[in-house]
mmCIF file of all heavy atoms, coordinates in Angstrom:
data_MODEL
# 
_entry.id   MODEL 
# 
loop_
_atom_site.group_PDB 
_atom_site.id 
_atom_site.type_symbol 
_atom_site.label_atom_id 
_atom_site.label_alt_id 
_atom_site.label_comp_id 
_atom_site.label_asym_id 
_atom_site.label_entity_id 
_atom_site.label_seq_id 
_atom_site.pdbx_PDB_ins_code 
_atom_site.Cartn_x 
_atom_site.Cartn_y 
_atom_site.Cartn_z 
_atom_site.occupancy 
_atom_site.B_iso_or_equiv 
_atom_site.pdbx_formal_charge 
_atom_site.auth_seq_id 
_atom_site.auth_comp_id 
_atom_site.auth_asym_id 
_atom_site.auth_atom_id 
_atom_site.pdbx_PDB_model_num 
ATOM 1   N N   . ILE A 1 1  ? 101.958 118.604 124.701 1.00 0.00 ? 1  ILE A N   1 
ATOM 2   C CA  . ILE A 1 1  ? 102.268 117.572 123.721 1.00 0.00 ? 1  ILE A CA  1 
ATOM 3   C C   . ILE A 1 1  ? 103.694 117.805 123.194 1.00 0.00 ? 1  ILE A C   1 
ATOM 4   O O   . ILE A 1 1  ? 104.084 118.959 122.972 1.00 0.00 ? 1  ILE A O   1 
ATOM 5   C CB  . ILE A 1 1  ? 101.246 117.557 122.567 1.00 0.00 ? 1  ILE A CB  1 
ATOM 6   C CG1 . ILE A 1 1  ? 101.561 116.443 121.562 1.00 0.00 ? 1  ILE A CG1 1 
ATOM 7   C CG2 . ILE A 1 1  ? 101.174 118.898 121.874 1.00 0.00 ? 1  ILE A CG2 1 
ATOM 8   C CD1 . ILE A 1 1  ? 100.458 116.200 120.551 1.00 0.00 ? 1  ILE A CD1 1 
ATOM 9   N N   . ALA A 1 2  ? 104.422 116.726 123.027 1.00 0.00 ? 2  ALA A N   1 
ATOM 10  C CA  . ALA A 1 2  ? 105.783 116.813 122.492 1.00 0.00 ? 2  ALA A CA  1 
ATOM 11  C C   . ALA A 1 2  ? 105.984 115.655 121.512 1.00 0.00 ? 2  ALA A C   1 
ATOM 12  O O   . ALA A 1 2  ? 105.508 114.542 121.767 1.00 0.00 ? 2  ALA A O   1 
ATOM 13  C CB  . ALA A 1 2  ? 106.816 116.775 123.614 1.00 0.00 ? 2  ALA A CB  1 
ATOM 14  N N   . ILE A 1 3  ? 106.702 115.934 120.431 1.00 0.00 ? 3  ILE A N   1 
ATOM 15  C CA  . ILE A 1 3  ? 106.976 114.910 119.415 1.00 0.00 ? 3  ILE A CA  1 
ATOM 16  C C   . ILE A 1 3  ? 108.481 114.905 119.155 1.00 0.00 ? 3  ILE A C   1 
ATOM 17  O O   . ILE A 1 3  ? 109.103 115.966 118.943 1.00 0.00 ? 3  ILE A O   1 
ATOM 18  C CB  . ILE A 1 3  ? 106.216 115.195 118.120 1.00 0.00 ? 3  ILE A CB  1 
ATOM 19  C CG1 . ILE A 1 3  ? 104.720 115.181 118.376 1.00 0.00 ? 3  ILE A CG1 1 
ATOM 20  C CG2 . ILE A 1 3  ? 106.577 114.179 117.043 1.00 0.00 ? 3  ILE A CG2 1 
ATOM 21  C CD1 . ILE A 1 3  ? 103.854 115.580 117.167 1.00 0.00 ? 3  ILE A CD1 1 
ATOM 22  N N   . VAL A 1 4  ? 109.074 113.711 119.166 1.00 0.00 ? 4  VAL A N   1 
ATOM 23  C CA  . VAL A 1 4  ? 110.500 113.510 118.967 1.00 0.00 ? 4  VAL A CA  1 
ATOM 24  C C   . VAL A 1 4  ? 110.687 112.747 117.664 1.00 0.00 ? 4  VAL A C   1 
ATOM 25  O O   . VAL A 1 4  ? 109.994 111.750 117.406 1.00 0.00 ? 4  VAL A O   1 
ATOM 26  C CB  . VAL A 1 4  ? 111.125 112.722 120.125 1.00 0.00 ? 4  VAL A CB  1 
ATOM 27  C CG1 . VAL A 1 4  ? 112.636 112.563 119.923 1.00 0.00 ? 4  VAL A CG1 1 
ATOM 28  C CG2 . VAL A 1 4  ? 110.835 113.410 121.463 1.00 0.00 ? 4  VAL A CG2 1 
ATOM 29  N N   . HIS A 1 5  ? 111.695 113.163 116.881 1.00 0.00 ? 5  HIS A N   1 
ATOM 30  C CA  . HIS A 1 5  ? 111.945 112.546 115.582 1.00 0.00 ? 5  HIS A CA  1 
ATOM 31  C C   . HIS A 1 5  ? 113.440 112.338 115.416 1.00 0.00 ? 5  HIS A C   1 
ATOM 32  O O   . HIS A 1 5  ? 114.242 113.199 115.750 1.00 0.00 ? 5  HIS A O   1 
ATOM 33  C CB  . HIS A 1 5  ? 111.410 113.434 114.459 1.00 0.00 ? 5  HIS A CB  1 
ATOM 34  C CG  . HIS A 1 5  ? 111.545 112.840 113.092 1.00 0.00 ? 5  HIS A CG  1 
ATOM 35  N ND1 . HIS A 1 5  ? 112.691 112.946 112.321 1.00 0.00 ? 5  HIS A ND1 1 
ATOM 36  C CD2 . HIS A 1 5  ? 110.661 112.131 112.342 1.00 0.00 ? 5  HIS A CD2 1 
ATOM 37  C CE1 . HIS A 1 5  ? 112.511 112.346 111.170 1.00 0.00 ? 5  HIS A CE1 1 
ATOM 38  N NE2 . HIS A 1 5  ? 111.304 111.833 111.134 1.00 0.00 ? 5  HIS A NE2 1 
ATOM 39  N N   . ARG A 1 6  ? 113.829 111.125 114.884 1.00 0.00 ? 6  ARG A N   1 
ATOM 40  C CA  . ARG A 1 6  ? 115.229 110.863 114.554 1.00 0.00 ? 6  ARG A CA  1 
ATOM 41  C C   . ARG A 1 6  ? 115.305 110.310 113.153 1.00 0.00 ? 6  ARG A C   1 
ATOM 42  O O   . ARG A 1 6  ? 114.557 109.394 112.787 1.00 0.00 ? 6  ARG A O   1 
ATOM 43  C CB  . ARG A 1 6  ? 115.857 109.898 115.580 1.00 0.00 ? 6  ARG A CB  1 
ATOM 44  C CG  . ARG A 1 6  ? 115.853 110.444 116.989 1.00 0.00 ? 6  ARG A CG  1 
ATOM 45  C CD  . ARG A 1 6  ? 116.631 109.579 117.965 1.00 0.00 ? 6  ARG A CD  1 
ATOM 46  N NE  . ARG A 1 6  ? 118.057 109.600 117.674 1.00 0.00 ? 6  ARG A NE  1 
ATOM 47  C CZ  . ARG A 1 6  ? 118.979 109.032 118.479 1.00 0.00 ? 6  ARG A CZ  1 
ATOM 48  N NH1 . ARG A 1 6  ? 118.605 108.411 119.604 1.00 0.00 ? 6  ARG A NH1 1 
ATOM 49  N NH2 . ARG A 1 6  ? 120.266 109.095 118.157 1.00 0.00 ? 6  ARG A NH2 1 
ATOM 50  N N   . GLN A 1 7  ? 116.224 110.864 112.367 1.00 0.00 ? 7  GLN A N   1 
ATOM 51  C CA  . GLN A 1 7  ? 116.264 110.612 110.933 1.00 0.00 ? 7  GLN A CA  1 
ATOM 52  C C   . GLN A 1 7  ? 117.418 109.700 110.520 1.00 0.00 ? 7  GLN A C   1 
ATOM 53  O O   . GLN A 1 7  ? 118.553 109.911 110.907 1.00 0.00 ? 7  GLN A O   1 
ATOM 54  C CB  . GLN A 1 7  ? 116.383 111.938 110.185 1.00 0.00 ? 7  GLN A CB  1 
ATOM 55  C CG  . GLN A 1 7  ? 116.428 111.839 108.684 1.00 0.00 ? 7  GLN A CG  1 
ATOM 56  C CD  . GLN A 1 7  ? 115.086 111.433 108.093 1.00 0.00 ? 7  GLN A CD  1 
ATOM 57  O OE1 . GLN A 1 7  ? 114.045 111.849 108.554 1.00 0.00 ? 7  GLN A OE1 1 
ATOM 58  N NE2 . GLN A 1 7  ? 115.141 110.580 107.077 1.00 0.00 ? 7  GLN A NE2 1 
ATOM 59  N N   . HIS A 1 8  ? 117.111 108.685 109.704 1.00 0.00 ? 8  HIS A N   1 
ATOM 60  C CA  . HIS A 1 8  ? 118.115 107.955 108.951 1.00 0.00 ? 8  HIS A CA  1 
ATOM 61  C C   . HIS A 1 8  ? 118.355 108.662 107.641 1.00 0.00 ? 8  HIS A C   1 
ATOM 62  O O   . HIS A 1 8  ? 117.451 109.350 107.108 1.00 0.00 ? 8  HIS A O   1 
ATOM 63  C CB  . HIS A 1 8  ? 117.632 106.530 108.648 1.00 0.00 ? 8  HIS A CB  1 
ATOM 64  C CG  . HIS A 1 8  ? 117.821 105.558 109.762 1.00 0.00 ? 8  HIS A CG  1 
ATOM 65  N ND1 . HIS A 1 8  ? 119.041 105.096 110.140 1.00 0.00 ? 8  HIS A ND1 1 
ATOM 66  C CD2 . HIS A 1 8  ? 116.948 104.936 110.571 1.00 0.00 ? 8  HIS A CD2 1 
ATOM 67  C CE1 . HIS A 1 8  ? 118.916 104.221 111.127 1.00 0.00 ? 8  HIS A CE1 1 
ATOM 68  N NE2 . HIS A 1 8  ? 117.659 104.135 111.417 1.00 0.00 ? 8  HIS A NE2 1 
ATOM 69  N N   . VAL A 1 9  ? 119.535 108.493 107.070 1.00 0.00 ? 9  VAL A N   1 
ATOM 70  C CA  . VAL A 1 9  ? 119.824 109.062 105.759 1.00 0.00 ? 9  VAL A CA  1 
ATOM 71  C C   . VAL A 1 9  ? 120.089 107.902 104.794 1.00 0.00 ? 9  VAL A C   1 
ATOM 72  O O   . VAL A 1 9  ? 121.152 107.277 104.841 1.00 0.00 ? 9  VAL A O   1 
ATOM 73  C CB  . VAL A 1 9  ? 121.022 110.023 105.805 1.00 0.00 ? 9  VAL A CB  1 
ATOM 74  C CG1 . VAL A 1 9  ? 121.339 110.551 104.398 1.00 0.00 ? 9  VAL A CG1 1 
ATOM 75  C CG2 . VAL A 1 9  ? 120.719 111.182 106.735 1.00 0.00 ? 9  VAL A CG2 1 
ATOM 76  N N   . PHE A 1 10 ? 119.115 107.625 103.948 1.00 0.00 ? 10 PHE A N   1 
ATOM 77  C CA  . PHE A 1 10 ? 119.229 106.565 102.951 1.00 0.00 ? 10 PHE A CA  1 
ATOM 78  C C   . PHE A 1 10 ? 119.219 107.110 101.522 1.00 0.00 ? 10 PHE A C   1 
ATOM 79  O O   . PHE A 1 10 ? 119.668 106.467 100.591 1.00 0.00 ? 10 PHE A O   1 
ATOM 80  C CB  . PHE A 1 10 ? 118.075 105.569 103.094 1.00 0.00 ? 10 PHE A CB  1 
ATOM 81  C CG  . PHE A 1 10 ? 118.113 104.804 104.394 1.00 0.00 ? 10 PHE A CG  1 
ATOM 82  C CD1 . PHE A 1 10 ? 117.037 104.877 105.283 1.00 0.00 ? 10 PHE A CD1 1 
ATOM 83  C CD2 . PHE A 1 10 ? 119.187 104.017 104.739 1.00 0.00 ? 10 PHE A CD2 1 
ATOM 84  C CE1 . PHE A 1 10 ? 117.047 104.160 106.461 1.00 0.00 ? 10 PHE A CE1 1 
ATOM 85  C CE2 . PHE A 1 10 ? 119.222 103.302 105.937 1.00 0.00 ? 10 PHE A CE2 1 
ATOM 86  C CZ  . PHE A 1 10 ? 118.140 103.374 106.807 1.00 0.00 ? 10 PHE A CZ  1 
ATOM 87  N N   . THR A 1 11 ? 118.650 108.312 101.319 1.00 0.00 ? 11 THR A N   1 
ATOM 88  C CA  . THR A 1 11 ? 118.525 108.900 99.993  1.00 0.00 ? 11 THR A CA  1 
ATOM 89  C C   . THR A 1 11 ? 119.138 110.295 100.010 1.00 0.00 ? 11 THR A C   1 
ATOM 90  O O   . THR A 1 11 ? 119.303 110.892 101.089 1.00 0.00 ? 11 THR A O   1 
ATOM 91  C CB  . THR A 1 11 ? 117.042 109.015 99.581  1.00 0.00 ? 11 THR A CB  1 
ATOM 92  O OG1 . THR A 1 11 ? 116.416 110.046 100.366 1.00 0.00 ? 11 THR A OG1 1 
ATOM 93  C CG2 . THR A 1 11 ? 116.312 107.702 99.789  1.00 0.00 ? 11 THR A CG2 1 
ATOM 94  N N   . PRO A 1 12 ? 119.452 110.863 98.857  1.00 0.00 ? 12 PRO A N   1 
ATOM 95  C CA  . PRO A 1 12 ? 119.974 112.239 98.838  1.00 0.00 ? 12 PRO A CA  1 
ATOM 96  C C   . PRO A 1 12 ? 118.991 113.217 99.475  1.00 0.00 ? 12 PRO A C   1 
ATOM 97  O O   . PRO A 1 12 ? 119.405 114.171 100.155 1.00 0.00 ? 12 PRO A O   1 
ATOM 98  C CB  . PRO A 1 12 ? 120.148 112.523 97.342  1.00 0.00 ? 12 PRO A CB  1 
ATOM 99  C CG  . PRO A 1 12 ? 120.345 111.177 96.708  1.00 0.00 ? 12 PRO A CG  1 
ATOM 100 C CD  . PRO A 1 12 ? 119.468 110.234 97.506  1.00 0.00 ? 12 PRO A CD  1 
ATOM 101 N N   . GLU A 1 13 ? 117.699 112.985 99.286  1.00 0.00 ? 13 GLU A N   1 
ATOM 102 C CA  . GLU A 1 13 ? 116.695 113.887 99.828  1.00 0.00 ? 13 GLU A CA  1 
ATOM 103 C C   . GLU A 1 13 ? 116.667 113.832 101.371 1.00 0.00 ? 13 GLU A C   1 
ATOM 104 O O   . GLU A 1 13 ? 116.289 114.817 102.020 1.00 0.00 ? 13 GLU A O   1 
ATOM 105 C CB  . GLU A 1 13 ? 115.305 113.563 99.266  1.00 0.00 ? 13 GLU A CB  1 
ATOM 106 C CG  . GLU A 1 13 ? 115.187 113.771 97.771  1.00 0.00 ? 13 GLU A CG  1 
ATOM 107 C CD  . GLU A 1 13 ? 115.710 112.621 96.949  1.00 0.00 ? 13 GLU A CD  1 
ATOM 108 O OE1 . GLU A 1 13 ? 116.020 111.546 97.548  1.00 0.00 ? 13 GLU A OE1 1 
ATOM 109 O OE2 . GLU A 1 13 ? 115.866 112.778 95.722  1.00 0.00 ? 13 GLU A OE2 1 
ATOM 110 N N   . ASP A 1 14 ? 117.013 112.658 101.940 1.00 0.00 ? 14 ASP A N   1 
ATOM 111 C CA  . ASP A 1 14 ? 116.990 112.533 103.387 1.00 0.00 ? 14 ASP A CA  1 
ATOM 112 C C   . ASP A 1 14 ? 117.964 113.506 104.072 1.00 0.00 ? 14 ASP A C   1 
ATOM 113 O O   . ASP A 1 14 ? 117.767 113.876 105.235 1.00 0.00 ? 14 ASP A O   1 
ATOM 114 C CB  . ASP A 1 14 ? 117.371 111.107 103.815 1.00 0.00 ? 14 ASP A CB  1 
ATOM 115 C CG  . ASP A 1 14 ? 116.289 110.094 103.542 1.00 0.00 ? 14 ASP A CG  1 
ATOM 116 O OD1 . ASP A 1 14 ? 115.116 110.520 103.359 1.00 0.00 ? 14 ASP A OD1 1 
ATOM 117 O OD2 . ASP A 1 14 ? 116.579 108.887 103.499 1.00 0.00 ? 14 ASP A OD2 1 
ATOM 118 N N   . GLU A 1 15 ? 119.010 113.904 103.389 1.00 0.00 ? 15 GLU A N   1 
ATOM 119 C CA  . GLU A 1 15 ? 120.005 114.794 103.993 1.00 0.00 ? 15 GLU A CA  1 
ATOM 120 C C   . GLU A 1 15 ? 119.407 116.153 104.316 1.00 0.00 ? 15 GLU A C   1 
ATOM 121 O O   . GLU A 1 15 ? 119.933 116.878 105.169 1.00 0.00 ? 15 GLU A O   1 
ATOM 122 C CB  . GLU A 1 15 ? 121.197 114.944 103.050 1.00 0.00 ? 15 GLU A CB  1 
ATOM 123 C CG  . GLU A 1 15 ? 121.941 113.625 102.809 1.00 0.00 ? 15 GLU A CG  1 
ATOM 124 C CD  . GLU A 1 15 ? 123.074 113.767 101.823 1.00 0.00 ? 15 GLU A CD  1 
ATOM 125 O OE1 . GLU A 1 15 ? 123.322 114.896 101.362 1.00 0.00 ? 15 GLU A OE1 1 
ATOM 126 O OE2 . GLU A 1 15 ? 123.748 112.750 101.547 1.00 0.00 ? 15 GLU A OE2 1 
ATOM 127 N N   . ASP A 1 16 ? 118.296 116.524 103.668 1.00 0.00 ? 16 ASP A N   1 
ATOM 128 C CA  . ASP A 1 16 ? 117.657 117.818 103.922 1.00 0.00 ? 16 ASP A CA  1 
ATOM 129 C C   . ASP A 1 16 ? 116.399 117.660 104.765 1.00 0.00 ? 16 ASP A C   1 
ATOM 130 O O   . ASP A 1 16 ? 115.666 118.644 104.959 1.00 0.00 ? 16 ASP A O   1 
ATOM 131 C CB  . ASP A 1 16 ? 117.309 118.508 102.597 1.00 0.00 ? 16 ASP A CB  1 
ATOM 132 C CG  . ASP A 1 16 ? 118.544 118.834 101.777 1.00 0.00 ? 16 ASP A CG  1 
ATOM 133 O OD1 . ASP A 1 16 ? 119.570 119.195 102.382 1.00 0.00 ? 16 ASP A OD1 1 
ATOM 134 O OD2 . ASP A 1 16 ? 118.473 118.709 100.527 1.00 0.00 ? 16 ASP A OD2 1 
ATOM 135 N N   . GLU A 1 17 ? 116.130 116.458 105.245 1.00 0.00 ? 17 GLU A N   1 
ATOM 136 C CA  . GLU A 1 17 ? 114.936 116.221 106.034 1.00 0.00 ? 17 GLU A CA  1 
ATOM 137 C C   . GLU A 1 17 ? 115.059 116.915 107.393 1.00 0.00 ? 17 GLU A C   1 
ATOM 138 O O   . GLU A 1 17 ? 116.160 116.952 107.974 1.00 0.00 ? 17 GLU A O   1 
ATOM 139 C CB  . GLU A 1 17 ? 114.712 114.732 106.230 1.00 0.00 ? 17 GLU A CB  1 
ATOM 140 C CG  . GLU A 1 17 ? 113.340 114.355 106.729 1.00 0.00 ? 17 GLU A CG  1 
ATOM 141 C CD  . GLU A 1 17 ? 112.243 114.654 105.683 1.00 0.00 ? 17 GLU A CD  1 
ATOM 142 O OE1 . GLU A 1 17 ? 111.968 113.775 104.849 1.00 0.00 ? 17 GLU A OE1 1 
ATOM 143 O OE2 . GLU A 1 17 ? 111.679 115.761 105.738 1.00 0.00 ? 17 GLU A OE2 1 
ATOM 144 N N   . ALA A 1 18 ? 113.968 117.465 107.898 1.00 0.00 ? 18 ALA A N   1 
ATOM 145 C CA  . ALA A 1 18 ? 114.027 118.226 109.156 1.00 0.00 ? 18 ALA A CA  1 
ATOM 146 C C   . ALA A 1 18 ? 112.714 118.069 109.935 1.00 0.00 ? 18 ALA A C   1 
ATOM 147 O O   . ALA A 1 18 ? 112.184 119.057 110.454 1.00 0.00 ? 18 ALA A O   1 
ATOM 148 C CB  . ALA A 1 18 ? 114.320 119.698 108.890 1.00 0.00 ? 18 ALA A CB  1 
ATOM 149 N N   . MET A 1 19 ? 112.201 116.871 110.024 1.00 0.00 ? 19 MET A N   1 
ATOM 150 C CA  . MET A 1 19 ? 111.029 116.664 110.849 1.00 0.00 ? 19 MET A CA  1 
ATOM 151 C C   . MET A 1 19 ? 111.398 116.674 112.333 1.00 0.00 ? 19 MET A C   1 
ATOM 152 O O   . MET A 1 19 ? 112.513 116.341 112.677 1.00 0.00 ? 19 MET A O   1 
ATOM 153 C CB  . MET A 1 19 ? 110.355 115.326 110.466 1.00 0.00 ? 19 MET A CB  1 
ATOM 154 C CG  . MET A 1 19 ? 109.626 115.398 109.131 1.00 0.00 ? 19 MET A CG  1 
ATOM 155 S SD  . MET A 1 19 ? 108.676 113.898 108.759 1.00 0.00 ? 19 MET A SD  1 
ATOM 156 C CE  . MET A 1 19 ? 109.967 112.850 108.083 1.00 0.00 ? 19 MET A CE  1 
ATOM 157 N N   . PRO A 1 20 ? 110.444 117.006 113.221 1.00 0.00 ? 20 PRO A N   1 
ATOM 158 C CA  . PRO A 1 20 ? 109.047 117.340 112.945 1.00 0.00 ? 20 PRO A CA  1 
ATOM 159 C C   . PRO A 1 20 ? 108.902 118.686 112.216 1.00 0.00 ? 20 PRO A C   1 
ATOM 160 O O   . PRO A 1 20 ? 109.573 119.655 112.555 1.00 0.00 ? 20 PRO A O   1 
ATOM 161 C CB  . PRO A 1 20 ? 108.411 117.430 114.349 1.00 0.00 ? 20 PRO A CB  1 
ATOM 162 C CG  . PRO A 1 20 ? 109.380 116.759 115.269 1.00 0.00 ? 20 PRO A CG  1 
ATOM 163 C CD  . PRO A 1 20 ? 110.730 116.940 114.657 1.00 0.00 ? 20 PRO A CD  1 
ATOM 164 N N   . TYR A 1 21 ? 108.037 118.690 111.209 1.00 0.00 ? 21 TYR A N   1 
ATOM 165 C CA  . TYR A 1 21 ? 107.713 119.921 110.481 1.00 0.00 ? 21 TYR A CA  1 
ATOM 166 C C   . TYR A 1 21 ? 106.596 120.643 111.230 1.00 0.00 ? 21 TYR A C   1 
ATOM 167 O O   . TYR A 1 21 ? 105.579 120.012 111.573 1.00 0.00 ? 21 TYR A O   1 
ATOM 168 C CB  . TYR A 1 21 ? 107.258 119.614 109.076 1.00 0.00 ? 21 TYR A CB  1 
ATOM 169 C CG  . TYR A 1 21 ? 108.380 119.248 108.141 1.00 0.00 ? 21 TYR A CG  1 
ATOM 170 C CD1 . TYR A 1 21 ? 108.352 118.041 107.459 1.00 0.00 ? 21 TYR A CD1 1 
ATOM 171 C CD2 . TYR A 1 21 ? 109.452 120.078 107.944 1.00 0.00 ? 21 TYR A CD2 1 
ATOM 172 C CE1 . TYR A 1 21 ? 109.360 117.673 106.587 1.00 0.00 ? 21 TYR A CE1 1 
ATOM 173 C CE2 . TYR A 1 21 ? 110.504 119.739 107.091 1.00 0.00 ? 21 TYR A CE2 1 
ATOM 174 C CZ  . TYR A 1 21 ? 110.443 118.531 106.412 1.00 0.00 ? 21 TYR A CZ  1 
ATOM 175 O OH  . TYR A 1 21 ? 111.462 118.189 105.555 1.00 0.00 ? 21 TYR A OH  1 
ATOM 176 N N   . ALA A 1 22 ? 106.766 121.930 111.442 1.00 0.00 ? 22 ALA A N   1 
ATOM 177 C CA  . ALA A 1 22 ? 105.738 122.701 112.112 1.00 0.00 ? 22 ALA A CA  1 
ATOM 178 C C   . ALA A 1 22 ? 105.790 124.126 111.605 1.00 0.00 ? 22 ALA A C   1 
ATOM 179 O O   . ALA A 1 22 ? 106.842 124.787 111.664 1.00 0.00 ? 22 ALA A O   1 
ATOM 180 C CB  . ALA A 1 22 ? 105.941 122.692 113.622 1.00 0.00 ? 22 ALA A CB  1 
ATOM 181 N N   . GLY A 1 23 ? 104.664 124.612 111.098 1.00 0.00 ? 23 GLY A N   1 
ATOM 182 C CA  . GLY A 1 23 ? 104.562 126.004 110.720 1.00 0.00 ? 23 GLY A CA  1 
ATOM 183 C C   . GLY A 1 23 ? 104.267 126.842 111.937 1.00 0.00 ? 23 GLY A C   1 
ATOM 184 O O   . GLY A 1 23 ? 104.157 126.369 113.071 1.00 0.00 ? 23 GLY A O   1 
ATOM 185 N N   . SER A 1 24 ? 104.113 128.140 111.738 1.00 0.00 ? 24 SER A N   1 
ATOM 186 C CA  . SER A 1 24 ? 103.790 129.052 112.816 1.00 0.00 ? 24 SER A CA  1 
ATOM 187 C C   . SER A 1 24 ? 102.385 128.739 113.323 1.00 0.00 ? 24 SER A C   1 
ATOM 188 O O   . SER A 1 24 ? 101.388 129.058 112.647 1.00 0.00 ? 24 SER A O   1 
ATOM 189 C CB  . SER A 1 24 ? 103.880 130.503 112.344 1.00 0.00 ? 24 SER A CB  1 
ATOM 190 O OG  . SER A 1 24 ? 103.489 131.388 113.375 1.00 0.00 ? 24 SER A OG  1 
ATOM 191 N N   . GLU A 1 25 ? 102.303 128.092 114.474 1.00 0.00 ? 25 GLU A N   1 
ATOM 192 C CA  . GLU A 1 25 ? 101.040 127.680 115.089 1.00 0.00 ? 25 GLU A CA  1 
ATOM 193 C C   . GLU A 1 25 ? 100.231 126.781 114.143 1.00 0.00 ? 25 GLU A C   1 
ATOM 194 O O   . GLU A 1 25 ? 99.007  126.668 114.266 1.00 0.00 ? 25 GLU A O   1 
ATOM 195 C CB  . GLU A 1 25 ? 100.193 128.899 115.481 1.00 0.00 ? 25 GLU A CB  1 
ATOM 196 C CG  . GLU A 1 25 ? 100.852 129.751 116.528 1.00 0.00 ? 25 GLU A CG  1 
ATOM 197 C CD  . GLU A 1 25 ? 99.971  130.893 116.976 1.00 0.00 ? 25 GLU A CD  1 
ATOM 198 O OE1 . GLU A 1 25 ? 98.848  131.010 116.445 1.00 0.00 ? 25 GLU A OE1 1 
ATOM 199 O OE2 . GLU A 1 25 ? 100.385 131.632 117.880 1.00 0.00 ? 25 GLU A OE2 1 
ATOM 200 N N   . GLY A 1 26 ? 100.920 126.172 113.169 1.00 0.00 ? 26 GLY A N   1 
ATOM 201 C CA  . GLY A 1 26 ? 100.227 125.302 112.219 1.00 0.00 ? 26 GLY A CA  1 
ATOM 202 C C   . GLY A 1 26 ? 100.409 123.855 112.528 1.00 0.00 ? 26 GLY A C   1 
ATOM 203 O O   . GLY A 1 26 ? 100.921 123.471 113.601 1.00 0.00 ? 26 GLY A O   1 
ATOM 204 N N   . PRO A 1 27 ? 99.986  122.953 111.600 1.00 0.00 ? 27 PRO A N   1 
ATOM 205 C CA  . PRO A 1 27 ? 100.066 121.520 111.848 1.00 0.00 ? 27 PRO A CA  1 
ATOM 206 C C   . PRO A 1 27 ? 101.516 121.046 112.004 1.00 0.00 ? 27 PRO A C   1 
ATOM 207 O O   . PRO A 1 27 ? 102.461 121.663 111.482 1.00 0.00 ? 27 PRO A O   1 
ATOM 208 C CB  . PRO A 1 27 ? 99.413  120.929 110.601 1.00 0.00 ? 27 PRO A CB  1 
ATOM 209 C CG  . PRO A 1 27 ? 98.610  122.018 110.013 1.00 0.00 ? 27 PRO A CG  1 
ATOM 210 C CD  . PRO A 1 27 ? 99.319  123.286 110.338 1.00 0.00 ? 27 PRO A CD  1 
ATOM 211 N N   . VAL A 1 28 ? 101.655 119.921 112.705 1.00 0.00 ? 28 VAL A N   1 
ATOM 212 C CA  . VAL A 1 28 ? 102.958 119.343 112.985 1.00 0.00 ? 28 VAL A CA  1 
ATOM 213 C C   . VAL A 1 28 ? 102.980 117.932 112.408 1.00 0.00 ? 28 VAL A C   1 
ATOM 214 O O   . VAL A 1 28 ? 102.037 117.144 112.597 1.00 0.00 ? 28 VAL A O   1 
ATOM 215 C CB  . VAL A 1 28 ? 103.231 119.281 114.514 1.00 0.00 ? 28 VAL A CB  1 
ATOM 216 C CG1 . VAL A 1 28 ? 104.622 118.730 114.780 1.00 0.00 ? 28 VAL A CG1 1 
ATOM 217 C CG2 . VAL A 1 28 ? 103.066 120.646 115.133 1.00 0.00 ? 28 VAL A CG2 1 
ATOM 218 N N   . LEU A 1 29 ? 104.074 117.610 111.697 1.00 0.00 ? 29 LEU A N   1 
ATOM 219 C CA  . LEU A 1 29 ? 104.210 116.271 111.103 1.00 0.00 ? 29 LEU A CA  1 
ATOM 220 C C   . LEU A 1 29 ? 105.477 115.606 111.574 1.00 0.00 ? 29 LEU A C   1 
ATOM 221 O O   . LEU A 1 29 ? 106.549 116.191 111.525 1.00 0.00 ? 29 LEU A O   1 
ATOM 222 C CB  . LEU A 1 29 ? 104.235 116.375 109.549 1.00 0.00 ? 29 LEU A CB  1 
ATOM 223 C CG  . LEU A 1 29 ? 104.587 115.062 108.833 1.00 0.00 ? 29 LEU A CG  1 
ATOM 224 C CD1 . LEU A 1 29 ? 103.461 114.058 108.965 1.00 0.00 ? 29 LEU A CD1 1 
ATOM 225 C CD2 . LEU A 1 29 ? 104.933 115.316 107.374 1.00 0.00 ? 29 LEU A CD2 1 
# 
Protein backbone atom coordinates (compact mmCIF):
# COMPACT_ATOMS: atom_id res chain seq x y z
CA ILE A 1 0.00 0.00 0.00
CA ALA A 2 1.24 3.49 -0.84
CA ILE A 3 -0.31 6.90 -0.16
CA VAL A 4 0.68 10.13 -1.94
CA HIS A 5 -0.12 13.59 -0.58
CA ARG A 6 0.36 17.11 -2.02
CA GLN A 7 -0.24 20.18 0.09
CA HIS A 8 -1.63 23.63 -0.71
CA VAL A 9 -0.68 26.46 1.64
CA PHE A 10 -3.68 28.65 2.43
CA THR A 11 -3.24 29.21 6.19
CA PRO A 12 -0.23 29.81 8.46
CA GLU A 13 -0.72 26.33 9.89
CA ASP A 14 -0.52 24.77 6.41
CA GLU A 15 3.15 25.75 6.20
CA ASP A 16 3.93 23.12 8.86
CA GLU A 17 1.70 20.42 7.41
CA ALA A 18 3.51 17.15 6.64
CA MET A 19 1.00 14.51 5.60
CA PRO A 20 0.90 11.57 5.20
CA TYR A 21 1.28 11.30 8.97
CA ALA A 22 2.59 7.96 10.14
CA GLY A 23 3.90 6.89 13.51
CA SER A 24 6.28 4.00 14.04
CA GLU A 25 4.22 1.12 12.61
CA GLY A 26 1.16 3.14 13.60
CA PRO A 27 -1.83 4.55 11.72
CA VAL A 28 -1.34 6.61 8.56
CA LEU A 29 -3.38 9.70 7.69
